[in-house]
Amino acid sequence: MLIPVTSVETVGAAIRAMRKVSGIRQDDVAGVSHMFLRDLEKGKETVQFGLVLKVLDELGIHMLLEVPESQEQAVAMAMNRLMGRMAPMARIVHTRTIKKDGE
């Protein structure tokens, strides 16, 4: 399922829904306080992004950024250079969707 991310509130709602259907209490999410999780689920704009990523990982939710097709190659090259300086093991994966005739 793909959910367009338009705000912190959208991310918070997705996190709350996933946590609820998984039967996980706020206190049971590792690495963050229940107060942080409450704020995130309510869409508080000032939550720490690193902790948001930690919660997403704990719940098995993956976040992807979609780059405009016209800039894909240039952004991939720039990101690979930047990521090479920060973490040699990290690399950007360039993917492309090929549409068949009639789609």
N, C-alpha and C. Protein backbone atom coordinates (compact mmCIF):
# COMPACT_ATOMS: atom_id res chain seq x y z
N MET A 1 0.84 -1.18 0.00
CA MET A 1 0.00 0.00 0.00
C MET A 1 0.88 1.24 0.00
N LEU A 2 0.63 2.15 -0.90
CA LEU A 2 1.37 3.41 -0.96
C LEU A 2 0.49 4.53 -0.40
N ILE A 3 1.07 5.34 0.49
CA ILE A 3 0.35 6.45 1.10
C ILE A 3 1.12 7.73 0.77
N PRO A 4 0.49 8.67 0.06
CA PRO A 4 1.16 9.95 -0.21
C PRO A 4 1.43 10.70 1.10
N VAL A 5 2.66 11.10 1.31
CA VAL A 5 3.02 11.84 2.53
C VAL A 5 2.91 13.33 2.22
N THR A 6 1.93 13.96 2.86
CA THR A 6 1.70 15.38 2.63
C THR A 6 1.92 16.21 3.89
N SER A 7 2.06 15.54 5.03
CA SER A 7 2.24 16.25 6.30
C SER A 7 2.70 15.27 7.38
N VAL A 8 3.11 15.82 8.50
CA VAL A 8 3.45 14.99 9.65
C VAL A 8 2.19 14.26 10.12
N GLU A 9 1.06 14.91 9.98
CA GLU A 9 -0.22 14.29 10.38
C GLU A 9 -0.49 13.02 9.58
N THR A 10 -0.19 13.03 8.28
CA THR A 10 -0.37 11.85 7.44
C THR A 10 0.52 10.70 7.92
N VAL A 11 1.77 11.00 8.20
CA VAL A 11 2.70 9.98 8.69
C VAL A 11 2.23 9.46 10.05
N GLY A 12 1.82 10.37 10.92
CA GLY A 12 1.34 9.97 12.23
C GLY A 12 0.12 9.06 12.17
N ALA A 13 -0.81 9.39 11.27
CA ALA A 13 -2.01 8.57 11.12
C ALA A 13 -1.65 7.18 10.61
N ALA A 14 -0.71 7.10 9.67
CA ALA A 14 -0.29 5.80 9.14
C ALA A 14 0.40 4.98 10.23
N ILE A 15 1.23 5.63 11.03
CA ILE A 15 1.92 4.94 12.12
C ILE A 15 0.91 4.43 13.14
N ARG A 16 -0.04 5.27 13.51
CA ARG A 16 -1.06 4.86 14.49
C ARG A 16 -1.87 3.68 13.96
N ALA A 17 -2.29 3.76 12.69
CA ALA A 17 -3.08 2.67 12.11
C ALA A 17 -2.29 1.37 12.11
N MET A 18 -1.02 1.41 11.70
CA MET A 18 -0.19 0.21 11.65
C MET A 18 0.02 -0.36 13.05
N ARG A 19 0.27 0.53 14.00
CA ARG A 19 0.48 0.09 15.38
C ARG A 19 -0.78 -0.58 15.93
N LYS A 20 -1.92 0.04 15.67
CA LYS A 20 -3.19 -0.50 16.18
C LYS A 20 -3.52 -1.87 15.56
N VAL A 21 -3.40 -1.99 14.23
CA VAL A 21 -3.74 -3.28 13.60
C VAL A 21 -2.74 -4.37 13.97
N SER A 22 -1.55 -3.96 14.40
CA SER A 22 -0.53 -4.92 14.82
C SER A 22 -0.66 -5.27 16.30
N GLY A 23 -1.57 -4.58 16.99
CA GLY A 23 -1.76 -4.85 18.41
C GLY A 23 -0.61 -4.38 19.29
N ILE A 24 0.08 -3.32 18.87
CA ILE A 24 1.24 -2.81 19.60
C ILE A 24 0.81 -1.57 20.39
N ARG A 25 1.11 -1.56 21.69
CA ARG A 25 0.82 -0.39 22.52
C ARG A 25 1.92 0.65 22.33
N GLN A 26 1.59 1.92 22.60
CA GLN A 26 2.60 2.98 22.48
C GLN A 26 3.83 2.68 23.33
N ASP A 27 3.62 2.15 24.52
CA ASP A 27 4.74 1.84 25.41
C ASP A 27 5.64 0.73 24.88
N ASP A 28 5.14 -0.05 23.94
CA ASP A 28 5.89 -1.20 23.42
C ASP A 28 6.76 -0.88 22.21
N VAL A 29 6.69 0.34 21.69
CA VAL A 29 7.53 0.71 20.54
C VAL A 29 8.91 1.07 21.07
N ALA A 30 9.90 0.29 20.66
CA ALA A 30 11.27 0.45 21.18
C ALA A 30 11.93 1.72 20.64
N GLY A 31 12.74 2.33 21.50
CA GLY A 31 13.58 3.43 21.06
C GLY A 31 12.99 4.82 21.19
N VAL A 32 11.70 4.93 21.52
CA VAL A 32 11.07 6.25 21.70
C VAL A 32 10.12 6.19 22.90
N SER A 33 9.85 7.35 23.46
CA SER A 33 8.93 7.41 24.59
C SER A 33 7.49 7.39 24.09
N HIS A 34 6.57 7.00 24.97
CA HIS A 34 5.16 7.02 24.59
C HIS A 34 4.69 8.45 24.33
N MET A 35 5.34 9.44 24.99
CA MET A 35 4.97 10.85 24.75
C MET A 35 5.38 11.28 23.34
N PHE A 36 6.58 10.85 22.91
CA PHE A 36 7.00 11.17 21.54
C PHE A 36 6.04 10.54 20.55
N LEU A 37 5.71 9.28 20.76
CA LEU A 37 4.82 8.57 19.84
C LEU A 37 3.44 9.22 19.81
N ARG A 38 2.95 9.64 20.96
CA ARG A 38 1.66 10.33 21.02
C ARG A 38 1.71 11.62 20.17
N ASP A 39 2.78 12.40 20.34
CA ASP A 39 2.94 13.64 19.58
C ASP A 39 3.01 13.35 18.08
N LEU A 40 3.76 12.32 17.72
CA LEU A 40 3.90 11.95 16.31
C LEU A 40 2.55 11.54 15.73
N GLU A 41 1.84 10.69 16.44
CA GLU A 41 0.55 10.21 15.95
C GLU A 41 -0.49 11.33 15.83
N LYS A 42 -0.31 12.39 16.61
CA LYS A 42 -1.21 13.55 16.52
C LYS A 42 -0.76 14.56 15.46
N GLY A 43 0.40 14.29 14.85
CA GLY A 43 0.87 15.16 13.76
C GLY A 43 1.63 16.39 14.19
N LYS A 44 2.25 16.35 15.37
CA LYS A 44 3.03 17.49 15.85
C LYS A 44 4.16 17.79 14.86
N GLU A 45 4.22 19.02 14.41
CA GLU A 45 5.15 19.44 13.36
C GLU A 45 6.62 19.41 13.78
N THR A 46 6.91 19.45 15.06
CA THR A 46 8.30 19.59 15.51
C THR A 46 8.93 18.29 15.98
N VAL A 47 8.34 17.13 15.63
CA VAL A 47 8.95 15.86 16.03
C VAL A 47 10.30 15.69 15.34
N GLN A 48 11.21 14.97 15.99
CA GLN A 48 12.55 14.74 15.45
C GLN A 48 12.48 13.70 14.33
N PHE A 49 12.98 14.07 13.16
CA PHE A 49 12.89 13.20 11.99
C PHE A 49 13.63 11.88 12.20
N GLY A 50 14.76 11.91 12.86
CA GLY A 50 15.50 10.68 13.11
C GLY A 50 14.70 9.69 13.94
N LEU A 51 13.95 10.20 14.91
CA LEU A 51 13.11 9.32 15.73
C LEU A 51 11.91 8.82 14.93
N VAL A 52 11.40 9.65 14.02
CA VAL A 52 10.30 9.20 13.15
C VAL A 52 10.77 8.01 12.32
N LEU A 53 11.98 8.11 11.77
CA LEU A 53 12.53 7.01 10.98
C LEU A 53 12.70 5.75 11.84
N LYS A 54 13.09 5.93 13.09
CA LYS A 54 13.24 4.79 14.00
C LYS A 54 11.89 4.10 14.23
N VAL A 55 10.82 4.88 14.44
CA VAL A 55 9.48 4.32 14.64
C VAL A 55 9.03 3.58 13.38
N LEU A 56 9.24 4.21 12.22
CA LEU A 56 8.85 3.56 10.96
C LEU A 56 9.55 2.21 10.82
N ASP A 57 10.83 2.17 11.13
CA ASP A 57 11.59 0.93 11.05
C ASP A 57 11.05 -0.12 12.02
N GLU A 58 10.76 0.29 13.24
CA GLU A 58 10.22 -0.63 14.25
C GLU A 58 8.92 -1.26 13.78
N LEU A 59 8.11 -0.49 13.04
CA LEU A 59 6.81 -0.98 12.59
C LEU A 59 6.87 -1.65 11.21
N GLY A 60 8.06 -1.66 10.60
CA GLY A 60 8.21 -2.30 9.29
C GLY A 60 7.68 -1.47 8.14
N ILE A 61 7.60 -0.15 8.33
CA ILE A 61 7.12 0.76 7.28
C ILE A 61 8.34 1.36 6.59
N HIS A 62 8.35 1.36 5.27
CA HIS A 62 9.47 1.91 4.50
C HIS A 62 9.06 3.24 3.87
N MET A 63 9.98 4.19 3.88
CA MET A 63 9.71 5.50 3.28
C MET A 63 10.62 5.66 2.06
N LEU A 64 10.03 6.07 0.96
CA LEU A 64 10.77 6.32 -0.28
C LEU A 64 10.51 7.76 -0.73
N LEU A 65 11.49 8.35 -1.37
CA LEU A 65 11.32 9.68 -1.94
C LEU A 65 11.29 9.54 -3.45
N GLU A 66 10.31 10.16 -4.08
CA GLU A 66 10.18 10.08 -5.53
C GLU A 66 10.73 11.36 -6.15
N VAL A 67 11.76 11.21 -6.94
CA VAL A 67 12.43 12.32 -7.60
C VAL A 67 11.81 12.49 -8.99
N PRO A 68 11.63 13.74 -9.44
CA PRO A 68 11.09 13.93 -10.79
C PRO A 68 11.94 13.18 -11.83
N GLU A 69 11.27 12.53 -12.76
CA GLU A 69 11.95 11.71 -13.76
C GLU A 69 13.02 12.49 -14.53
N SER A 70 12.77 13.77 -14.78
CA SER A 70 13.72 14.58 -15.54
C SER A 70 15.04 14.79 -14.80
N GLN A 71 15.06 14.58 -13.49
CA GLN A 71 16.26 14.80 -12.68
C GLN A 71 16.83 13.52 -12.07
N GLU A 72 16.24 12.36 -12.40
CA GLU A 72 16.63 11.10 -11.76
C GLU A 72 18.12 10.82 -11.81
N GLN A 73 18.68 10.86 -13.01
CA GLN A 73 20.08 10.48 -13.17
C GLN A 73 21.01 11.44 -12.43
N ALA A 74 20.77 12.73 -12.56
CA ALA A 74 21.64 13.71 -11.91
C ALA A 74 21.54 13.60 -10.39
N VAL A 75 20.35 13.40 -9.86
CA VAL A 75 20.17 13.28 -8.42
C VAL A 75 20.81 11.98 -7.92
N ALA A 76 20.65 10.88 -8.65
CA ALA A 76 21.25 9.62 -8.25
C ALA A 76 22.77 9.74 -8.18
N MET A 77 23.37 10.39 -9.16
CA MET A 77 24.82 10.57 -9.16
C MET A 77 25.26 11.44 -7.99
N ALA A 78 24.55 12.53 -7.75
CA ALA A 78 24.90 13.43 -6.65
C ALA A 78 24.73 12.73 -5.30
N MET A 79 23.65 11.98 -5.15
CA MET A 79 23.41 11.27 -3.89
C MET A 79 24.47 10.21 -3.65
N ASN A 80 24.86 9.49 -4.69
CA ASN A 80 25.90 8.47 -4.54
C ASN A 80 27.23 9.10 -4.10
N ARG A 81 27.54 10.28 -4.67
CA ARG A 81 28.76 10.98 -4.24
C ARG A 81 28.65 11.39 -2.77
N LEU A 82 27.51 11.97 -2.39
CA LEU A 82 27.31 12.41 -1.01
C LEU A 82 27.30 11.23 -0.04
N MET A 83 26.60 10.19 -0.38
CA MET A 83 26.50 9.02 0.50
C MET A 83 27.85 8.32 0.60
N GLY A 84 28.66 8.38 -0.44
CA GLY A 84 29.99 7.79 -0.41
C GLY A 84 30.87 8.46 0.62
N ARG A 85 30.66 9.77 0.81
CA ARG A 85 31.43 10.50 1.83
C ARG A 85 30.95 10.18 3.23
N MET A 86 29.64 9.92 3.37
CA MET A 86 29.06 9.70 4.69
C MET A 86 29.13 8.24 5.13
N ALA A 87 28.76 7.34 4.24
CA ALA A 87 28.72 5.92 4.59
C ALA A 87 29.04 5.10 3.36
N PRO A 88 30.23 4.54 3.29
CA PRO A 88 30.64 3.80 2.09
C PRO A 88 29.69 2.67 1.69
N MET A 89 28.96 2.09 2.64
CA MET A 89 28.08 0.97 2.32
C MET A 89 26.75 1.42 1.71
N ALA A 90 26.39 2.69 1.92
CA ALA A 90 25.08 3.17 1.44
C ALA A 90 25.18 3.62 -0.01
N ARG A 91 24.26 3.22 -0.81
CA ARG A 91 24.19 3.63 -2.21
C ARG A 91 22.73 3.82 -2.59
N ILE A 92 22.49 4.77 -3.45
CA ILE A 92 21.14 5.02 -3.95
C ILE A 92 20.83 4.03 -5.05
N VAL A 93 19.68 3.43 -4.99
CA VAL A 93 19.26 2.48 -6.01
C VAL A 93 18.38 3.21 -7.01
N HIS A 94 18.76 3.14 -8.25
CA HIS A 94 18.01 3.80 -9.31
C HIS A 94 17.05 2.78 -9.91
N THR A 95 15.78 3.05 -9.82
CA THR A 95 14.78 2.15 -10.40
C THR A 95 13.96 2.91 -11.43
N ARG A 96 13.39 2.19 -12.34
CA ARG A 96 12.57 2.80 -13.37
C ARG A 96 11.40 1.87 -13.65
N THR A 97 10.23 2.46 -13.79
CA THR A 97 9.04 1.69 -14.15
C THR A 97 8.85 1.79 -15.65
N ILE A 98 8.75 0.67 -16.31
CA ILE A 98 8.56 0.65 -17.75
C ILE A 98 7.08 0.33 -18.02
N LYS A 99 6.44 1.22 -18.75
CA LYS A 99 5.03 1.01 -19.07
C LYS A 99 4.90 0.26 -20.37
N LYS A 100 3.99 -0.68 -20.42
CA LYS A 100 3.71 -1.43 -21.64
C LYS A 100 2.73 -0.63 -22.49
N ASP A 101 2.71 -0.93 -23.78
CA ASP A 101 1.77 -0.25 -24.66
C ASP A 101 0.36 -0.41 -24.12
N GLY A 102 -0.39 0.69 -24.13
CA GLY A 102 -1.77 0.65 -23.71
C GLY A 102 -1.96 0.92 -22.23
N GLU A 103 -0.89 1.13 -21.48
CA GLU A 103 -1.04 1.41 -20.04
C GLU A 103 -1.05 2.90 -19.79
